[in-house]
Amino acid sequence: MSEKKYTIQNNPFIVPTTDGKVIKEHFGGATDGNAAISIAHMKAPAGWSEPFQTPAFDEFTFIIQGKKQFIIEGETIILEAGQSIKIERHTRVQYSNPFTEVCEYIAICTPAFSVDLVNRED
């Protein structure tokens, strides 16, 4: 009998948060120990924001529903459902949802997201 060449994720790691954001990591450091890539399903509530950061990973974001604001090196960009963006590592960015509805999106980080690599500002 051969070993399976695939993994189905039915039990993502729920990242504990204090800001109302829901983070379900399907693959990555917290879920399966993969340091090369992380894939997470996110829901950012209306009014949510986080501090500026300069991550040591590339981050790809695909908006499923709602809108998300990005301040990238001082430029404000707003993405809507169906749009995506790649933000290169070592780029100063702030993520937020200053809008009135939840923003649902997928985030993919290479290498995988980790607190040690995100470099959040105080």
PDB file of N, CA and C in Angstrom:
ATOM      1  N   MET A   1       0.838  -1.178   0.000  1.00  0.00           N
ATOM      2  CA  MET A   1       0.000   0.000   0.000  1.00  0.00           C
ATOM      3  C   MET A   1       0.888   1.248   0.000  1.00  0.00           C
ATOM      4  N   SER A   2       0.575   2.186  -0.874  1.00  0.00           N
ATOM      5  CA  SER A   2       1.415   3.386  -0.988  1.00  0.00           C
ATOM      6  C   SER A   2       0.961   4.479  -0.017  1.00  0.00           C
ATOM      7  N   GLU A   3       1.911   5.353   0.306  1.00  0.00           N
ATOM      8  CA  GLU A   3       1.637   6.475   1.184  1.00  0.00           C
ATOM      9  C   GLU A   3       0.824   7.533   0.427  1.00  0.00           C
ATOM     10  N   LYS A   4      -0.104   8.203   1.115  1.00  0.00           N
ATOM     11  CA  LYS A   4      -0.915   9.247   0.482  1.00  0.00           C
ATOM     12  C   LYS A   4      -0.033  10.398   0.040  1.00  0.00           C
ATOM     13  N   LYS A   5      -0.363  10.949  -1.105  1.00  0.00           N
ATOM     14  CA  LYS A   5       0.375  12.076  -1.681  1.00  0.00           C
ATOM     15  C   LYS A   5      -0.382  13.386  -1.484  1.00  0.00           C
ATOM     16  N   TYR A   6      -1.322  13.420  -0.549  1.00  0.00           N
ATOM     17  CA  TYR A   6      -2.093  14.629  -0.294  1.00  0.00           C
ATOM     18  C   TYR A   6      -2.501  14.688   1.170  1.00  0.00           C
ATOM     19  N   THR A   7      -2.876  15.888   1.608  1.00  0.00           N
ATOM     20  CA  THR A   7      -3.352  16.100   2.970  1.00  0.00           C
ATOM     21  C   THR A   7      -4.611  16.948   2.903  1.00  0.00           C
ATOM     22  N   ILE A   8      -5.684  16.459   3.460  1.00  0.00           N
ATOM     23  CA  ILE A   8      -6.917  17.237   3.567  1.00  0.00           C
ATOM     24  C   ILE A   8      -6.939  17.850   4.963  1.00  0.00           C
ATOM     25  N   GLN A   9      -7.175  19.153   5.016  1.00  0.00           N
ATOM     26  CA  GLN A   9      -7.183  19.847   6.304  1.00  0.00           C
ATOM     27  C   GLN A   9      -8.630  20.098   6.741  1.00  0.00           C
ATOM     28  N   ASN A  10      -9.086  19.357   7.720  1.00  0.00           N
ATOM     29  CA  ASN A  10     -10.429  19.536   8.267  1.00  0.00           C
ATOM     30  C   ASN A  10     -10.412  20.187   9.646  1.00  0.00           C
ATOM     31  N   ASN A  11      -9.224  20.415  10.182  1.00  0.00           N
ATOM     32  CA  ASN A  11      -9.116  20.928  11.542  1.00  0.00           C
ATOM     33  C   ASN A  11      -8.036  22.007  11.611  1.00  0.00           C
ATOM     34  N   PRO A  12      -8.283  23.179  10.973  1.00  0.00           N
ATOM     35  CA  PRO A  12      -7.265  24.231  10.999  1.00  0.00           C
ATOM     36  C   PRO A  12      -7.010  24.720  12.412  1.00  0.00           C
ATOM     37  N   PHE A  13      -5.823  25.269  12.627  1.00  0.00           N
ATOM     38  CA  PHE A  13      -5.462  25.855  13.915  1.00  0.00           C
ATOM     39  C   PHE A  13      -6.152  27.209  14.037  1.00  0.00           C
ATOM     40  N   ILE A  14      -6.909  27.405  15.099  1.00  0.00           N
ATOM     41  CA  ILE A  14      -7.562  28.690  15.352  1.00  0.00           C
ATOM     42  C   ILE A  14      -6.586  29.536  16.175  1.00  0.00           C
ATOM     43  N   VAL A  15      -6.100  30.605  15.569  1.00  0.00           N
ATOM     44  CA  VAL A  15      -5.122  31.467  16.233  1.00  0.00           C
ATOM     45  C   VAL A  15      -5.849  32.329  17.273  1.00  0.00           C
ATOM     46  N   PRO A  16      -5.400  32.297  18.531  1.00  0.00           N
ATOM     47  CA  PRO A  16      -6.053  33.141  19.537  1.00  0.00           C
ATOM     48  C   PRO A  16      -5.827  34.622  19.237  1.00  0.00           C
ATOM     49  N   THR A  17      -6.894  35.422  19.283  1.00  0.00           N
ATOM     50  CA  THR A  17      -6.790  36.863  19.044  1.00  0.00           C
ATOM     51  C   THR A  17      -7.568  37.611  20.126  1.00  0.00           C
ATOM     52  N   THR A  18      -7.272  38.893  20.247  1.00  0.00           N
ATOM     53  CA  THR A  18      -7.984  39.726  21.223  1.00  0.00           C
ATOM     54  C   THR A  18      -8.705  40.884  20.537  1.00  0.00           C
ATOM     55  N   ASP A  19      -8.672  40.908  19.187  1.00  0.00           N
ATOM     56  CA  ASP A  19      -9.224  42.047  18.451  1.00  0.00           C
ATOM     57  C   ASP A  19     -10.449  41.692  17.606  1.00  0.00           C
ATOM     58  N   GLY A  20     -11.025  40.506  17.822  1.00  0.00           N
ATOM     59  CA  GLY A  20     -12.218  40.107  17.079  1.00  0.00           C
ATOM     60  C   GLY A  20     -11.937  39.455  15.740  1.00  0.00           C
ATOM     61  N   LYS A  21     -10.688  39.461  15.306  1.00  0.00           N
ATOM     62  CA  LYS A  21     -10.329  38.833  14.035  1.00  0.00           C
ATOM     63  C   LYS A  21     -10.312  37.317  14.195  1.00  0.00           C
ATOM     64  N   VAL A  22     -10.844  36.619  13.203  1.00  0.00           N
ATOM     65  CA  VAL A  22     -10.838  35.158  13.204  1.00  0.00           C
ATOM     66  C   VAL A  22      -9.762  34.696  12.223  1.00  0.00           C
ATOM     67  N   ILE A  23      -8.810  33.898  12.726  1.00  0.00           N
ATOM     68  CA  ILE A  23      -7.712  33.383  11.900  1.00  0.00           C
ATOM     69  C   ILE A  23      -7.721  31.871  12.011  1.00  0.00           C
ATOM     70  N   LYS A  24      -7.923  31.212  10.869  1.00  0.00           N
ATOM     71  CA  LYS A  24      -7.876  29.747  10.816  1.00  0.00           C
ATOM     72  C   LYS A  24      -6.727  29.349   9.896  1.00  0.00           C
ATOM     73  N   GLU A  25      -5.616  28.918  10.489  1.00  0.00           N
ATOM     74  CA  GLU A  25      -4.466  28.497   9.689  1.00  0.00           C
ATOM     75  C   GLU A  25      -4.675  27.071   9.228  1.00  0.00           C
ATOM     76  N   HIS A  26      -4.735  26.878   7.916  1.00  0.00           N
ATOM     77  CA  HIS A  26      -4.939  25.546   7.342  1.00  0.00           C
ATOM     78  C   HIS A  26      -3.620  24.800   7.178  1.00  0.00           C
ATOM     79  N   PHE A  27      -2.599  25.513   6.768  1.00  0.00           N
ATOM     80  CA  PHE A  27      -1.265  24.937   6.654  1.00  0.00           C
ATOM     81  C   PHE A  27      -0.270  25.993   7.108  1.00  0.00           C
ATOM     82  N   GLY A  28       0.795  25.570   7.789  1.00  0.00           N
ATOM     83  CA  GLY A  28       1.810  26.506   8.253  1.00  0.00           C
ATOM     84  C   GLY A  28       2.431  26.036   9.542  1.00  0.00           C
ATOM     85  N   GLY A  29       3.206  26.905  10.160  1.00  0.00           N
ATOM     86  CA  GLY A  29       3.967  26.554  11.353  1.00  0.00           C
ATOM     87  C   GLY A  29       3.130  26.024  12.498  1.00  0.00           C
ATOM     88  N   ALA A  30       1.996  26.675  12.780  1.00  0.00           N
ATOM     89  CA  ALA A  30       1.176  26.271  13.923  1.00  0.00           C
ATOM     90  C   ALA A  30       0.387  24.988  13.650  1.00  0.00           C
ATOM     91  N   THR A  31       0.073  24.729  12.384  1.00  0.00           N
ATOM     92  CA  THR A  31      -0.790  23.601  12.043  1.00  0.00           C
ATOM     93  C   THR A  31      -0.004  22.321  11.770  1.00  0.00           C
ATOM     94  N   ASP A  32       0.924  22.407  10.836  1.00  0.00           N
ATOM     95  CA  ASP A  32       1.642  21.185  10.425  1.00  0.00           C
ATOM     96  C   ASP A  32       3.157  21.343  10.461  1.00  0.00           C
ATOM     97  N   GLY A  33       3.632  22.451  11.065  1.00  0.00           N
ATOM     98  CA  GLY A  33       5.070  22.650  11.201  1.00  0.00           C
ATOM     99  C   GLY A  33       5.771  23.109   9.937  1.00  0.00           C
ATOM    100  N   ASN A  34       5.009  23.438   8.892  1.00  0.00           N
ATOM    101  CA  ASN A  34       5.601  23.850   7.627  1.00  0.00           C
ATOM    102  C   ASN A  34       6.119  25.284   7.747  1.00  0.00           C
ATOM    103  N   ALA A  35       7.421  25.466   7.629  1.00  0.00           N
ATOM    104  CA  ALA A  35       8.017  26.802   7.729  1.00  0.00           C
ATOM    105  C   ALA A  35       8.111  27.493   6.368  1.00  0.00           C
ATOM    106  N   ALA A  36       7.821  26.759   5.279  1.00  0.00           N
ATOM    107  CA  ALA A  36       7.980  27.311   3.931  1.00  0.00           C
ATOM    108  C   ALA A  36       6.783  28.149   3.485  1.00  0.00           C
ATOM    109  N   ILE A  37       5.574  27.780   3.933  1.00  0.00           N
ATOM    110  CA  ILE A  37       4.358  28.472   3.484  1.00  0.00           C
ATOM    111  C   ILE A  37       3.288  28.354   4.554  1.00  0.00           C
ATOM    112  N   SER A  38       2.474  29.398   4.668  1.00  0.00           N
ATOM    113  CA  SER A  38       1.284  29.306   5.513  1.00  0.00           C
ATOM    114  C   SER A  38       0.088  29.790   4.706  1.00  0.00           C
ATOM    115  N   ILE A  39      -1.043  29.128   4.942  1.00  0.00           N
ATOM    116  CA  ILE A  39      -2.295  29.475   4.272  1.00  0.00           C
ATOM    117  C   ILE A  39      -3.353  29.608   5.355  1.00  0.00           C
ATOM    118  N   ALA A  40      -3.981  30.780   5.420  1.00  0.00           N
ATOM    119  CA  ALA A  40      -4.967  31.026   6.468  1.00  0.00           C
ATOM    120  C   ALA A  40      -6.220  31.665   5.894  1.00  0.00           C
ATOM    121  N   HIS A  41      -7.360  31.285   6.475  1.00  0.00           N
ATOM    122  CA  HIS A  41      -8.661  31.869   6.159  1.00  0.00           C
ATOM    123  C   HIS A  41      -8.957  32.875   7.266  1.00  0.00           C
ATOM    124  N   MET A  42      -9.192  34.120   6.904  1.00  0.00           N
ATOM    125  CA  MET A  42      -9.332  35.199   7.870  1.00  0.00           C
ATOM    126  C   MET A  42     -10.679  35.896   7.735  1.00  0.00           C
ATOM    127  N   LYS A  43     -11.160  36.403   8.873  1.00  0.00           N
ATOM    128  CA  LYS A  43     -12.322  37.290   8.897  1.00  0.00           C
ATOM    129  C   LYS A  43     -11.977  38.457   9.815  1.00  0.00           C
ATOM    130  N   ALA A  44     -11.891  39.642   9.225  1.00  0.00           N
ATOM    131  CA  ALA A  44     -11.568  40.857   9.981  1.00  0.00           C
ATOM    132  C   ALA A  44     -12.856  41.644  10.187  1.00  0.00           C
ATOM    133  N   PRO A  45     -13.224  41.883  11.447  1.00  0.00           N
ATOM    134  CA  PRO A  45     -14.476  42.601  11.711  1.00  0.00           C
ATOM    135  C   PRO A  45     -14.408  44.061  11.268  1.00  0.00           C
ATOM    136  N   ALA A  46     -15.567  44.659  11.086  1.00  0.00           N
ATOM    137  CA  ALA A  46     -15.644  46.090  10.780  1.00  0.00           C
ATOM    138  C   ALA A  46     -14.907  46.859  11.870  1.00  0.00           C
ATOM    139  N   GLY A  47     -14.099  47.842  11.453  1.00  0.00           N
ATOM    140  CA  GLY A  47     -13.373  48.676  12.401  1.00  0.00           C
ATOM    141  C   GLY A  47     -12.051  48.101  12.876  1.00  0.00           C
ATOM    142  N   TRP A  48     -11.686  46.908  12.424  1.00  0.00           N
ATOM    143  CA  TRP A  48     -10.448  46.248  12.853  1.00  0.00           C
ATOM    144  C   TRP A  48      -9.225  46.912  12.222  1.00  0.00           C
ATOM    145  N   SER A  49      -8.136  46.947  12.981  1.00  0.00           N
ATOM    146  CA  SER A  49      -6.838  47.333  12.415  1.00  0.00           C
ATOM    147  C   SER A  49      -5.744  46.742  13.285  1.00  0.00           C
ATOM    148  N   GLU A  50      -4.555  46.662  12.738  1.00  0.00           N
ATOM    149  CA  GLU A  50      -3.409  46.187  13.509  1.00  0.00           C
ATOM    150  C   GLU A  50      -2.243  47.142  13.295  1.00  0.00           C
ATOM    151  N   PRO A  51      -1.216  47.043  14.127  1.00  0.00           N
ATOM    152  CA  PRO A  51      -0.076  47.965  13.996  1.00  0.00           C
ATOM    153  C   PRO A  51       0.661  47.778  12.664  1.00  0.00           C
ATOM    154  N   PHE A  52       1.424  48.797  12.296  1.00  0.00           N
ATOM    155  CA  PHE A  52       2.306  48.656  11.139  1.00  0.00           C
ATOM    156  C   PHE A  52       3.277  47.515  11.399  1.00  0.00           C
ATOM    157  N   GLN A  53       3.712  46.881  10.326  1.00  0.00           N
ATOM    158  CA  GLN A  53       4.675  45.789  10.418  1.00  0.00           C
ATOM    159  C   GLN A  53       5.553  45.801   9.170  1.00  0.00           C
ATOM    160  N   THR A  54       6.711  45.157   9.280  1.00  0.00           N
ATOM    161  CA  THR A  54       7.621  45.000   8.140  1.00  0.00           C
ATOM    162  C   THR A  54       8.047  43.534   8.106  1.00  0.00           C
ATOM    163  N   PRO A  55       7.182  42.668   7.583  1.00  0.00           N
ATOM    164  CA  PRO A  55       7.419  41.230   7.657  1.00  0.00           C
ATOM    165  C   PRO A  55       8.614  40.764   6.814  1.00  0.00           C
ATOM    166  N   ALA A  56       9.228  39.691   7.291  1.00  0.00           N
ATOM    167  CA  ALA A  56      10.321  39.049   6.549  1.00  0.00           C
ATOM    168  C   ALA A  56       9.757  37.889   5.721  1.00  0.00           C
ATOM    169  N   PHE A  57       8.540  38.064   5.190  1.00  0.00           N
ATOM    170  CA  PHE A  57       7.933  37.080   4.294  1.00  0.00           C
ATOM    171  C   PHE A  57       7.105  37.824   3.253  1.00  0.00           C
ATOM    172  N   ASP A  58       6.918  37.206   2.084  1.00  0.00           N
ATOM    173  CA  ASP A  58       5.980  37.721   1.090  1.00  0.00           C
ATOM    174  C   ASP A  58       4.585  37.349   1.570  1.00  0.00           C
ATOM    175  N   GLU A  59       3.628  38.254   1.371  1.00  0.00           N
ATOM    176  CA  GLU A  59       2.249  37.930   1.753  1.00  0.00           C
ATOM    177  C   GLU A  59       1.318  38.192   0.580  1.00  0.00           C
ATOM    178  N   PHE A  60       0.556  37.154   0.241  1.00  0.00           N
ATOM    179  CA  PHE A  60      -0.448  37.215  -0.805  1.00  0.00           C
ATOM    180  C   PHE A  60      -1.814  37.255  -0.120  1.00  0.00           C
ATOM    181  N   THR A  61      -2.689  38.150  -0.551  1.00  0.00           N
ATOM    182  CA  THR A  61      -4.024  38.253   0.029  1.00  0.00           C
ATOM    183  C   THR A  61      -5.043  38.196  -1.096  1.00  0.00           C
ATOM    184  N   PHE A  62      -6.072  37.354  -0.920  1.00  0.00           N
ATOM    185  CA  PHE A  62      -7.198  37.271  -1.852  1.00  0.00           C
ATOM    186  C   PHE A  62      -8.471  37.596  -1.078  1.00  0.00           C
ATOM    187  N   ILE A  63      -9.184  38.636  -1.512  1.00  0.00           N
ATOM    188  CA  ILE A  63     -10.400  39.078  -0.826  1.00  0.00           C
ATOM    189  C   ILE A  63     -11.590  38.252  -1.325  1.00  0.00           C
ATOM    190  N   ILE A  64     -12.265  37.595  -0.380  1.00  0.00           N
ATOM    191  CA  ILE A  64     -13.445  36.791  -0.703  1.00  0.00           C
ATOM    192  C   ILE A  64     -14.705  37.649  -0.611  1.00  0.00           C
ATOM    193  N   GLN A  65     -14.789  38.449   0.464  1.00  0.00           N
ATOM    194  CA  GLN A  65     -15.989  39.259   0.717  1.00  0.00           C
ATOM    195  C   GLN A  65     -15.585  40.524   1.458  1.00  0.00           C
ATOM    196  N   GLY A  66     -16.285  41.613   1.167  1.00  0.00           N
ATOM    197  CA  GLY A  66     -16.005  42.877   1.849  1.00  0.00           C
ATOM    198  C   GLY A  66     -14.825  43.608   1.232  1.00  0.00           C
ATOM    199  N   LYS A  67     -14.221  44.492   2.023  1.00  0.00           N
ATOM    200  CA  LYS A  67     -13.084  45.302   1.572  1.00  0.00           C
ATOM    201  C   LYS A  67     -12.020  45.306   2.655  1.00  0.00           C
ATOM    202  N   LYS A  68     -10.766  45.492   2.236  1.00  0.00           N
ATOM    203  CA  LYS A  68      -9.643  45.568   3.168  1.00  0.00           C
ATOM    204  C   LYS A  68      -8.747  46.715   2.740  1.00  0.00           C
ATOM    205  N   GLN A  69      -8.263  47.459   3.736  1.00  0.00           N
ATOM    206  CA  GLN A  69      -7.362  48.583   3.458  1.00  0.00           C
ATOM    207  C   GLN A  69      -5.924  48.189   3.785  1.00  0.00           C
ATOM    208  N   PHE A  70      -5.031  48.592   2.901  1.00  0.00           N
ATOM    209  CA  PHE A  70      -3.596  48.365   3.055  1.00  0.00           C
ATOM    210  C   PHE A  70      -2.916  49.728   2.988  1.00  0.00           C
ATOM    211  N   ILE A  71      -2.054  50.039   3.944  1.00  0.00           N
ATOM    212  CA  ILE A  71      -1.185  51.211   3.812  1.00  0.00           C
ATOM    213  C   ILE A  71       0.212  50.638   3.601  1.00  0.00           C
ATOM    214  N   ILE A  72       0.710  50.785   2.365  1.00  0.00           N
ATOM    215  CA  ILE A  72       1.963  50.161   1.947  1.00  0.00           C
ATOM    216  C   ILE A  72       2.972  51.258   1.645  1.00  0.00           C
ATOM    217  N   GLU A  73       4.002  51.343   2.496  1.00  0.00           N
ATOM    218  CA  GLU A  73       5.042  52.370   2.315  1.00  0.00           C
ATOM    219  C   GLU A  73       4.395  53.744   2.126  1.00  0.00           C
ATOM    220  N   GLY A  74       3.328  54.037   2.895  1.00  0.00           N
ATOM    221  CA  GLY A  74       2.679  55.338   2.852  1.00  0.00           C
ATOM    222  C   GLY A  74       1.551  55.481   1.850  1.00  0.00           C
ATOM    223  N   GLU A  75       1.367  54.508   0.945  1.00  0.00           N
ATOM    224  CA  GLU A  75       0.302  54.556  -0.059  1.00  0.00           C
ATOM    225  C   GLU A  75      -0.896  53.741   0.429  1.00  0.00           C
ATOM    226  N   THR A  76      -2.095  54.334   0.374  1.00  0.00           N
ATOM    227  CA  THR A  76      -3.309  53.636   0.802  1.00  0.00           C
ATOM    228  C   THR A  76      -3.967  52.955  -0.387  1.00  0.00           C
ATOM    229  N   ILE A  77      -4.221  51.653  -0.228  1.00  0.00           N
ATOM    230  CA  ILE A  77      -4.845  50.842  -1.274  1.00  0.00           C
ATOM    231  C   ILE A  77      -6.031  50.124  -0.645  1.00  0.00           C
ATOM    232  N   ILE A  78      -7.148  50.077  -1.360  1.00  0.00           N
ATOM    233  CA  ILE A  78      -8.328  49.360  -0.887  1.00  0.00           C
ATOM    234  C   ILE A  78      -8.655  48.282  -1.906  1.00  0.00           C
ATOM    235  N   LEU A  79      -8.749  47.049  -1.419  1.00  0.00           N
ATOM    236  CA  LEU A  79      -9.130  45.933  -2.283  1.00  0.00           C
ATOM    237  C   LEU A  79     -10.537  45.477  -1.940  1.00  0.00           C
ATOM    238  N   GLU A  80     -11.246  44.986  -2.962  1.00  0.00           N
ATOM    239  CA  GLU A  80     -12.606  44.482  -2.799  1.00  0.00           C
ATOM    240  C   GLU A  80     -12.654  43.010  -3.201  1.00  0.00           C
ATOM    241  N   ALA A  81     -13.796  42.387  -2.932  1.00  0.00           N
ATOM    242  CA  ALA A  81     -13.995  40.969  -3.253  1.00  0.00           C
ATOM    243  C   ALA A  81     -13.565  40.668  -4.687  1.00  0.00           C
ATOM    244  N   GLY A  82     -12.807  39.588  -4.838  1.00  0.00           N
ATOM    245  CA  GLY A  82     -12.324  39.156  -6.144  1.00  0.00           C
ATOM    246  C   GLY A  82     -10.954  39.699  -6.503  1.00  0.00           C
ATOM    247  N   GLN A  83     -10.437  40.647  -5.727  1.00  0.00           N
ATOM    248  CA  GLN A  83      -9.112  41.202  -6.000  1.00  0.00           C
ATOM    249  C   GLN A  83      -8.071  40.540  -5.108  1.00  0.00           C
ATOM    250  N   SER A  84      -6.818  40.605  -5.555  1.00  0.00           N
ATOM    251  CA  SER A  84      -5.721  40.039  -4.776  1.00  0.00           C
ATOM    252  C   SER A  84      -4.504  40.944  -4.885  1.00  0.00           C
ATOM    253  N   ILE A  85      -3.554  40.714  -3.968  1.00  0.00           N
ATOM    254  CA  ILE A  85      -2.340  41.522  -3.929  1.00  0.00           C
ATOM    255  C   ILE A  85      -1.200  40.657  -3.399  1.00  0.00           C
ATOM    256  N   LYS A  86      -0.002  40.952  -3.871  1.00  0.00           N
ATOM    257  CA  LYS A  86       1.220  40.382  -3.293  1.00  0.00           C
ATOM    258  C   LYS A  86       2.017  41.542  -2.722  1.00  0.00           C
ATOM    259  N   ILE A  87       2.371  41.436  -1.439  1.00  0.00           N
ATOM    260  CA  ILE A  87       3.224  42.435  -0.805  1.00  0.00           C
ATOM    261  C   ILE A  87       4.559  41.765  -0.493  1.00  0.00           C
ATOM    262  N   GLU A  88       5.614  42.314  -1.047  1.00  0.00           N
ATOM    263  CA  GLU A  88       6.939  41.704  -0.913  1.00  0.00           C
ATOM    264  C   GLU A  88       7.490  41.862   0.496  1.00  0.00           C
ATOM    265  N   ARG A  89       8.270  40.880   0.901  1.00  0.00           N
ATOM    266  CA  ARG A  89       8.897  40.912   2.232  1.00  0.00           C
ATOM    267  C   ARG A  89       9.715  42.183   2.413  1.00  0.00           C
ATOM    268  N   HIS A  90       9.877  42.589   3.664  1.00  0.00           N
ATOM    269  CA  HIS A  90      10.624  43.789   4.054  1.00  0.00           C
ATOM    270  C   HIS A  90       9.951  45.080   3.576  1.00  0.00           C
ATOM    271  N   THR A  91       8.612  45.019   3.394  1.00  0.00           N
ATOM    272  CA  THR A  91       7.820  46.186   3.019  1.00  0.00           C
ATOM    273  C   THR A  91       6.987  46.601   4.228  1.00  0.00           C
ATOM    274  N   ARG A  92       7.034  47.878   4.585  1.00  0.00           N
ATOM    275  CA  ARG A  92       6.253  48.361   5.738  1.00  0.00           C
ATOM    276  C   ARG A  92       4.782  48.465   5.322  1.00  0.00           C
ATOM    277  N   VAL A  93       3.915  47.821   6.104  1.00  0.00           N
ATOM    278  CA  VAL A  93       2.500  47.745   5.751  1.00  0.00           C
ATOM    279  C   VAL A  93       1.632  47.767   7.007  1.00  0.00           C
ATOM    280  N   GLN A  94       0.438  48.321   6.849  1.00  0.00           N
ATOM    281  CA  GLN A  94      -0.581  48.209   7.895  1.00  0.00           C
ATOM    282  C   GLN A  94      -1.847  47.672   7.236  1.00  0.00           C
ATOM    283  N   TYR A  95      -2.445  46.684   7.886  1.00  0.00           N
ATOM    284  CA  TYR A  95      -3.690  46.085   7.422  1.00  0.00           C
ATOM    285  C   TYR A  95      -4.835  46.581   8.299  1.00  0.00           C
ATOM    286  N   SER A  96      -5.983  46.883   7.673  1.00  0.00           N
ATOM    287  CA  SER A  96      -7.144  47.295   8.456  1.00  0.00           C
ATOM    288  C   SER A  96      -8.438  47.085   7.671  1.00  0.00           C
ATOM    289  N   ASN A  97      -9.529  47.134   8.411  1.00  0.00           N
ATOM    290  CA  ASN A  97     -10.867  47.102   7.840  1.00  0.00           C
ATOM    291  C   ASN A  97     -11.659  48.258   8.460  1.00  0.00           C
ATOM    292  N   PRO A  98     -11.495  49.482   7.922  1.00  0.00           N
ATOM    293  CA  PRO A  98     -12.209  50.627   8.472  1.00  0.00           C
ATOM    294  C   PRO A  98     -13.652  50.721   7.959  1.00  0.00           C
ATOM    295  N   PHE A  99     -14.120  49.668   7.321  1.00  0.00           N
ATOM    296  CA  PHE A  99     -15.431  49.684   6.674  1.00  0.00           C
ATOM    297  C   PHE A  99     -16.504  49.101   7.602  1.00  0.00           C
ATOM    298  N   THR A 100     -17.740  49.021   7.115  1.00  0.00           N
ATOM    299  CA  THR A 100     -18.870  48.648   7.966  1.00  0.00           C
ATOM    300  C   THR A 100     -19.228  47.168   7.910  1.00  0.00           C
ATOM    301  N   GLU A 101     -18.567  46.393   7.026  1.00  0.00           N
ATOM    302  CA  GLU A 101     -18.868  44.963   6.964  1.00  0.00           C
ATOM    303  C   GLU A 101     -17.603  44.136   7.177  1.00  0.00           C
ATOM    304  N   VAL A 102     -17.787  42.906   7.576  1.00  0.00           N
ATOM    305  CA  VAL A 102     -16.670  41.980   7.774  1.00  0.00           C
ATOM    306  C   VAL A 102     -15.918  41.813   6.458  1.00  0.00           C
ATOM    307  N   CYS A 103     -14.602  41.704   6.536  1.00  0.00           N
ATOM    308  CA  CYS A 103     -13.776  41.371   5.373  1.00  0.00           C
ATOM    309  C   CYS A 103     -13.293  39.941   5.536  1.00  0.00           C
ATOM    310  N   GLU A 104     -13.651  39.097   4.581  1.00  0.00           N
ATOM    311  CA  GLU A 104     -13.215  37.699   4.581  1.00  0.00           C
ATOM    312  C   GLU A 104     -12.171  37.531   3.491  1.00  0.00           C
ATOM    313  N   TYR A 105     -11.046  36.904   3.839  1.00  0.00           N
ATOM    314  CA  TYR A 105      -9.967  36.777   2.863  1.00  0.00           C
ATOM    315  C   TYR A 105      -9.080  35.578   3.170  1.00  0.00           C
ATOM    316  N   ILE A 106      -8.263  35.245   2.199  1.00  0.00           N
ATOM    317  CA  ILE A 106      -7.241  34.205   2.332  1.00  0.00           C
ATOM    318  C   ILE A 106      -5.885  34.904   2.325  1.00  0.00           C
ATOM    319  N   ALA A 107      -5.020  34.520   3.272  1.00  0.00           N
ATOM    320  CA  ALA A 107      -3.654  35.051   3.320  1.00  0.00           C
ATOM    321  C   ALA A 107      -2.678  33.889   3.163  1.00  0.00           C
ATOM    322  N   ILE A 108      -1.711  34.067   2.275  1.00  0.00           N
ATOM    323  CA  ILE A 108      -0.669  33.070   2.041  1.00  0.00           C
ATOM    324  C   ILE A 108       0.669  33.762   2.256  1.00  0.00           C
ATOM    325  N   CYS A 109       1.493  33.200   3.130  1.00  0.00           N
ATOM    326  CA  CYS A 109       2.802  33.786   3.430  1.00  0.00           C
ATOM    327  C   CYS A 109       3.908  32.809   3.063  1.00  0.00           C
ATOM    328  N   THR A 110       4.956  33.337   2.405  1.00  0.00           N
ATOM    329  CA  THR A 110       6.142  32.539   2.086  1.00  0.00           C
ATOM    330  C   THR A 110       7.386  33.327   2.482  1.00  0.00           C
ATOM    331  N   PRO A 111       8.241  32.835   3.366  1.00  0.00           N
ATOM    332  CA  PRO A 111       8.016  31.639   4.177  1.00  0.00           C
ATOM    333  C   PRO A 111       6.802  31.822   5.078  1.00  0.00           C
ATOM    334  N   ALA A 112       6.466  30.783   5.824  1.00  0.00           N
ATOM    335  CA  ALA A 112       5.262  30.788   6.641  1.00  0.00           C
ATOM    336  C   ALA A 112       5.254  31.938   7.646  1.00  0.00           C
ATOM    337  N   PHE A 113       4.048  32.437   7.937  1.00  0.00           N
ATOM    338  CA  PHE A 113       3.887  33.443   8.979  1.00  0.00           C
ATOM    339  C   PHE A 113       4.459  32.920  10.285  1.00  0.00           C
ATOM    340  N   SER A 114       5.153  33.797  10.995  1.00  0.00           N
ATOM    341  CA  SER A 114       5.539  33.511  12.377  1.00  0.00           C
ATOM    342  C   SER A 114       5.691  34.839  13.096  1.00  0.00           C
ATOM    343  N   VAL A 115       5.451  34.821  14.386  1.00  0.00           N
ATOM    344  CA  VAL A 115       5.580  36.027  15.199  1.00  0.00           C
ATOM    345  C   VAL A 115       7.007  36.572  15.094  1.00  0.00           C
ATOM    346  N   ASP A 116       7.987  35.671  14.976  1.00  0.00           N
ATOM    347  CA  ASP A 116       9.386  36.089  14.886  1.00  0.00           C
ATOM    348  C   ASP A 116       9.702  36.832  13.582  1.00  0.00           C
ATOM    349  N   LEU A 117       8.907  36.602  12.529  1.00  0.00           N
ATOM    350  CA  LEU A 117       9.183  37.206  11.221  1.00  0.00           C
ATOM    351  C   LEU A 117       8.301  38.408  10.881  1.00  0.00           C
ATOM    352  N   VAL A 118       7.243  38.658  11.657  1.00  0.00           N
ATOM    353  CA  VAL A 118       6.277  39.691  11.287  1.00  0.00           C
ATOM    354  C   VAL A 118       6.763  41.117  11.574  1.00  0.00           C
ATOM    355  N   ASN A 119       7.586  41.281  12.601  1.00  0.00           N
ATOM    356  CA  ASN A 119       8.167  42.586  12.933  1.00  0.00           C
ATOM    357  C   ASN A 119       7.119  43.682  13.094  1.00  0.00           C
ATOM    358  N   ARG A 120       6.151  43.452  13.989  1.00  0.00           N
ATOM    359  CA  ARG A 120       5.119  44.452  14.282  1.00  0.00           C
ATOM    360  C   ARG A 120       5.704  45.593  15.104  1.00  0.00           C
ATOM    361  N   GLU A 121       5.234  46.808  14.812  1.00  0.00           N
ATOM    362  CA  GLU A 121       5.662  47.984  15.565  1.00  0.00           C
ATOM    363  C   GLU A 121       4.813  48.101  16.836  1.00  0.00           C
ATOM    364  N   ASP A 122       5.371  48.723  17.860  1.00  0.00           N
ATOM    365  CA  ASP A 122       4.638  48.890  19.131  1.00  0.00           C
ATOM    366  C   ASP A 122       3.583  49.956  19.042  1.00  0.00           C
TER     367      ASP A 122
END
